Protein backbone atom coordinates (compact mmCIF):
# COMPACT_ATOMS: atom_id res chain seq x y z
CA UNK A 1 126.63 101.24 115.08
CA UNK A 2 128.66 97.67 113.31
CA UNK A 3 126.79 96.25 116.40
CA UNK A 4 123.25 97.15 116.14
CA UNK A 5 120.57 95.14 114.94
CA UNK A 6 119.88 96.93 112.08
CA UNK A 7 123.91 97.14 110.70
CA UNK A 8 123.79 94.23 108.57
CA UNK A 9 120.34 95.43 106.64
CA UNK A 10 121.49 99.39 106.39
CA UNK A 11 124.72 97.83 104.88
CA UNK A 12 122.28 95.57 102.40
CA UNK A 13 120.05 98.60 101.57
CA UNK A 14 123.19 100.82 100.82
CA UNK A 15 125.35 98.19 98.74
CA UNK A 16 122.12 97.42 96.77
CA UNK A 17 120.85 101.31 96.11
CA UNK A 18 118.01 100.97 97.70
CA UNK A 19 118.79 103.86 100.25
CA UNK A 20 121.05 106.90 99.68
CA UNK A 21 121.95 108.63 103.02
CA UNK A 22 121.79 112.09 103.47
CA UNK A 23 124.16 115.10 102.75
CA UNK A 24 125.92 114.44 105.91
CA UNK A 25 126.94 111.18 105.01
CA UNK A 26 124.67 109.82 107.72
CA UNK A 27 122.12 106.67 107.16
CA UNK A 28 119.96 108.07 110.26
CA UNK A 29 118.61 104.53 111.02
CA UNK A 30 116.00 105.58 113.59
CA UNK A 31 114.64 108.30 111.70
CA UNK A 32 111.08 108.20 110.36
CA UNK A 33 110.23 107.17 106.75
CA UNK A 34 107.91 109.17 104.97
CA UNK A 35 105.57 107.58 101.96
CA UNK A 36 107.37 109.02 99.25
CA UNK A 37 110.54 107.41 100.51
CA UNK A 38 108.76 104.29 100.83
CA UNK A 39 107.43 104.26 97.26
CA UNK A 40 111.38 105.52 95.75
CA UNK A 41 113.05 102.46 97.81
CA UNK A 42 110.63 100.13 95.73
CA UNK A 43 111.11 102.16 92.74
CA UNK A 44 114.91 102.00 92.95
CA UNK A 45 114.50 98.05 93.25
CA UNK A 46 112.06 97.90 90.33
CA UNK A 47 115.42 99.47 88.46
CA UNK A 48 114.01 102.91 88.24
CA UNK A 49 111.81 102.03 85.10
CA UNK A 50 110.84 104.93 82.73
CA UNK A 51 108.06 106.70 83.62
CA UNK A 52 105.44 107.15 80.65
CA UNK A 53 102.49 109.05 82.89
CA UNK A 54 102.00 111.14 86.04
CA UNK A 55 100.33 110.58 89.13
CA UNK A 56 96.82 111.17 89.45
CA UNK A 57 97.32 112.06 93.20
CA UNK A 58 95.99 115.79 94.03
CA UNK A 59 98.35 116.29 96.60
CA UNK A 60 101.88 115.70 94.88
CA UNK A 61 104.36 118.10 93.60
CA UNK A 62 106.49 117.85 90.97
CA UNK A 63 109.35 117.03 93.51
CA UNK A 64 112.31 114.06 93.60
CA UNK A 65 109.66 111.54 94.21
CA UNK A 66 107.37 112.27 91.23
CA UNK A 67 108.71 109.64 89.00
CA UNK A 68 108.74 106.81 91.84
CA UNK A 69 104.91 107.66 93.05
CA UNK A 70 103.72 107.84 89.35
CA UNK A 71 105.44 104.40 88.78
CA UNK A 72 104.07 103.12 92.13
CA UNK A 73 100.60 103.83 91.29
CA UNK A 74 101.11 102.75 87.43
CA UNK A 75 102.08 99.47 89.13
CA UNK A 76 99.42 99.37 91.55
CA UNK A 77 102.06 99.54 94.14
CA UNK A 78 99.73 103.05 96.15
CA UNK A 79 96.31 103.18 95.49
CA UNK A 80 95.84 106.65 97.84
CA UNK A 81 93.79 106.69 100.86
CA UNK A 82 89.92 107.10 101.30
CA UNK A 83 90.12 110.62 99.42
CA UNK A 84 92.19 109.89 96.98
CA UNK A 85 95.27 111.68 98.41
CA UNK A 86 99.04 109.85 98.74
CA UNK A 87 100.18 112.62 101.55
CA UNK A 88 103.70 111.75 100.30
CA UNK A 89 105.34 113.49 103.58
CA UNK A 90 103.23 111.51 105.93
CA UNK A 91 105.54 109.13 107.96
CA UNK A 92 104.61 105.29 106.97
CA UNK A 93 102.91 103.33 109.14
CA UNK A 94 104.26 100.03 109.51
CA UNK A 95 101.04 98.68 107.91
CA UNK A 96 101.63 101.01 105.01
CA UNK A 97 105.05 99.79 104.57
CA UNK A 98 103.71 96.06 104.56
CA UNK A 99 100.93 96.99 102.04
CA UNK A 100 103.27 98.85 99.98
CA UNK A 101 106.24 95.83 99.78
CA UNK A 102 102.86 93.11 99.45
CA UNK A 103 101.43 94.77 96.68
CA UNK A 104 105.33 95.22 94.53
CA UNK A 105 105.64 91.50 95.28
CA UNK A 106 102.04 90.96 93.73
CA UNK A 107 101.81 88.40 96.99
CA UNK A 108 98.95 86.34 97.53
CA UNK A 109 96.78 86.25 100.84
CA UNK A 110 98.04 83.30 103.31
CA UNK A 111 95.14 81.10 104.69
CA UNK A 112 95.88 81.19 108.13
CA UNK A 113 95.90 83.68 110.26
CA UNK A 114 98.95 84.61 111.86
CA UNK A 115 98.16 87.99 113.06
CA UNK A 116 96.01 86.19 115.85
CA UNK A 117 99.19 85.31 117.79
CA UNK A 118 99.81 88.75 118.75
CA UNK A 119 97.77 90.96 121.15
CA UNK A 120 97.54 94.04 119.52
CA UNK A 121 95.80 91.78 115.86
CA UNK A 122 92.97 94.08 115.89
CA UNK A 123 94.60 96.85 115.51
CA UNK A 124 95.19 96.14 112.08
CA UNK A 125 93.46 98.58 109.66
CA UNK A 126 91.27 96.05 107.19
CA UNK A 127 92.73 97.11 104.19
CA UNK A 128 96.26 95.88 105.83
CA UNK A 129 95.10 92.55 106.90
CA UNK A 130 96.43 90.18 103.97
CA UNK A 131 99.53 92.17 103.68
CA UNK A 132 100.61 92.22 107.55
CA UNK A 133 99.60 88.50 107.38
CA UNK A 134 101.69 87.51 104.51
CA UNK A 135 104.68 89.76 105.95
CA UNK A 136 104.23 87.62 109.61
CA UNK A 137 103.87 84.33 107.45
CA UNK A 138 106.89 84.60 105.39
CA UNK A 139 109.05 86.08 108.48
CA UNK A 140 109.37 89.65 107.23
CA UNK A 141 107.80 91.04 110.38
CA UNK A 142 108.64 89.38 113.79
CA UNK A 143 106.93 92.16 115.61
CA UNK A 144 108.37 94.74 118.01
CA UNK A 145 109.24 93.62 121.69
CA UNK A 146 107.97 96.20 124.21
CA UNK A 147 109.85 97.07 127.46
CA UNK A 148 107.52 94.94 129.34
CA UNK A 149 108.49 91.65 126.84
CA UNK A 150 105.13 91.33 124.87
CA UNK A 151 105.59 91.29 121.24
CA UNK A 152 103.71 93.08 118.95
CA UNK A 153 102.65 94.49 115.70
CA UNK A 154 102.79 97.71 116.30
CA UNK A 155 100.55 98.53 113.01
CA UNK A 156 100.07 101.87 113.59
CA UNK A 157 103.44 103.07 114.33
CA UNK A 158 105.90 104.81 111.87
CA UNK A 159 108.25 102.89 110.41
CA UNK A 160 112.46 103.71 110.31
CA UNK A 161 114.79 103.53 107.89
CA UNK A 162 116.34 100.68 109.45
CA UNK A 163 113.12 98.81 109.71
CA UNK A 164 112.36 99.00 106.02
CA UNK A 165 116.14 97.94 105.12
CA UNK A 166 115.54 94.83 107.60
CA UNK A 167 111.92 94.23 105.79
CA UNK A 168 113.80 94.93 102.07
CA UNK A 169 116.78 92.52 103.16
CA UNK A 170 114.61 89.80 104.34
CA UNK A 171 112.44 89.98 101.17
CA UNK A 172 115.34 90.27 98.50
CA UNK A 173 116.79 87.74 100.20
CA UNK A 174 113.97 84.93 101.17
């Protein structure tokens, strides 16, 4: 839909080769995004550099995302969960997505607490606070407006393809 809130972002992501559509020619902006998909998008943004090693995550298969995840691990964009797993097929949460981009950008922590303005700030995991604070401070994340008008971080919710396209467009144009 050319009038949708995400139309410009999706166009940007497609034109710049960050995303490819599905086999049926659709983009599916509201579809969930897996952790492997986010690693792949960031790998493409990095220019799909040659990968010299393999990932050490025990839960990875030799699949379409193998080079992207190996690169992301080597670049420290991803470090795995508390069990040392990557969980490639799990839907990425908003805080995981932002943390990967924060590491990709090699961003530095922002001193001022920008998360306190959101009623659900306490829901952000400790490991994601610097990244989420950076994303809010730089305008990459503006929050999600609920039906009652409340704007929240919604950090634990899954991220959609439209949301990551928007986040990346803001980051790359910023």
